[in-house]
């Protein structure tokens, strides 16, 4: 099989040497985070995303090669291979092209054409296709009448021959390629309502049409869902007249009066009965696949921003899981994430024990020195917020609150993992703990939840679940390895996302820690069951040990580079112990990196990475992200007035805009057209990301529909 390096280098606009380096590393079983961080010399510093794109495309091309081999083998087994077919297969660029070429040779179920062939009508079909007969068609057909085979009349014979011709036309690869391309370019997607009087979220699609080439991904997914729920009837209208003209021209040569009428019927039957339904399926599948890929990309980007939100360290947090009838579950979590206390209060309907709730919560604030309250944004969040704000005014100490996105908290609290972590807590208590902890360290807490349940996507239940899970899993993996993990405090849930660490190894690391105490060095990882040299190579650089035997264990410097790092420090007049607080200005001392790299025996890119790390050991990339807005007062929807300028946090980004939390229970929508007037916006992600703190202007408030329209153009 070809290695595809040249093709990938051209497609992705990368150097052939670096692409080949990346392919070799992937084939050797290295993980993407490891290659991206520790093999920059070989790849020319490709990041995680470029490497994943390269890996996906490589997998597709290899799958294409495999399918070509299978198809070649099948055609050769039928003794039907020709040099032209061989060349067509070799030149096919997509799986769809390969299947088009293979269609005439694929083993068929019984069709009208195969039944006609069984009746011996193939010869008549060939006579008609040749378009050279001087006899009338009825005379030719007389020769094929057979009582034994069930061809009782001239009409039966001609009908059967026409079925064979229709299938031959349908199987012609070049015709299908042209028709598919024309349908993609000029086709129109339409939708109508099954019942126009029925109210639904799909009303804008009750009389809808848009060109296939221009339809946005989110509209494709909306149409699919409406069709699945049996509210919409969706159709693809192809340029039928143009297509039939094309087929007539291709099939009907000259003006043989004896065969022309039958061939015209065969062309029309072939297109309407065989080609059009198949092309409609293929085009709609392609639109859906592209829409899903786009939605997955947006979901992944949103998830990345959420996971990379900066932790709020050093605060004891009160997690507040709001509810009505069953009461609000509270959990006090200290700055290390340890649960100190839990309780249930009933400040909301139907009990309305506001005074009692205030008394209990005030006592907890005093007892545990709580400085921050994390309130889930679910049912009764608004009512809880009003009680909290009222209570904060009565305190003599600074306490702030934040409304936290609790998506997935209930999924986590009912999970096997949560049961193992808190066997004596009920689901409400576990949820309150999660709401508190996801503020203290969003990444460490959110990895415990299925990424699909975190609620920063769109139409996630309507798409290929395997593809979505893989993509989101890759995002979590990249985030975890980008930040790095404390080997002595990380949960198994966090460890299993570390490069080279499987679920089994993650559990073994935690078990080893419980049996032997803290890890004192990275080398100790090799004593963990099932963690061999390859897994150690992949994971060691991402696992940090503070206060261990070797100060380099607390950095992202890989153990394979310890000797070079130590040599570099000695050359610049430092000891290993000096790196603990960071060696500010090291890069100024190490100006000639090319010469230094040669002297210490490593690549220049790797050397620069080591210098950057030694200047600020164990740096957290999340520190550069915008900090969440902490509040001490409340704003209600009825307080909003058109023209008000407010500060808000982007909660979700979708194809047509962004939802922004402005401190009222309902997030407001900034439509894509209102994100900026400085440039054309192709996608909202070009302007905003989840977690961004932005200034917005209130455009419109619809109290009845609970909708808020905002603008970032102030």
Foldseek 3Di string as FASTA:
>chain_A
DDQCLVVLCVVVVHDSQLSVLLSVCVVVPFDLLCCLPPVCVRNVNDHSVSSVVSVVVSVQVVVLVVVLVVLVVQCVVVVNDDPVLVVQSVPDDHPLLVCLSSVVRPDDDDDLQVLLVQLVLCVLLVVLQVLPDPDASLVVLVVSQDVVSPRHHSVSSLVNSLQNLLVVLLSNSVLLVVQLVQLQQAKKKAKAFPDLVDDDPCNVRNGDMDRNNDDALQVLLVQVVCVVVRGMDMDIGGPVVVSLVVSCVVRPDDCRVRNSVSVSVSSVCSCPPPRVVVSRVVSSVVSNVVSVVVQLVQLLQQLLLLQLADADAQFWEWFWEQDAPVAIKIWTAGRLLHTDDIDGDHCHPPVNPLVVVLVVVVVVCVVVVGAEYEYELDPCSQVVVVSQLVSCVVDPDHHWYDHAHLFQLLVLLPDPVVCVVCVPDHSNNSSSSLSGVCRRRVLLSCLSGQSLRSPQTPSQVSDDVVVSSVSNLSSSLSSLQQQFEALQSGALSSVCSATLHHSVQSVQSVVCCVVPNGDQALVCSCVGPPCHPVSSQNGQLRYAYPPHPFLCSRASQGPVCPQLLQVLQVVLPHHRVVLNQADAPQCVSCVPLCVSCVVSVHDSVSSVVSNVCSRPGSDGPSVPADHDDIHSHADELVNDDAFDKAKWFFAYFDFFFTWTCRRYSGTATEGLVQADPPDRDRGHVVRDHGGDIAIWGWHDADPVVRYTYIHRYD
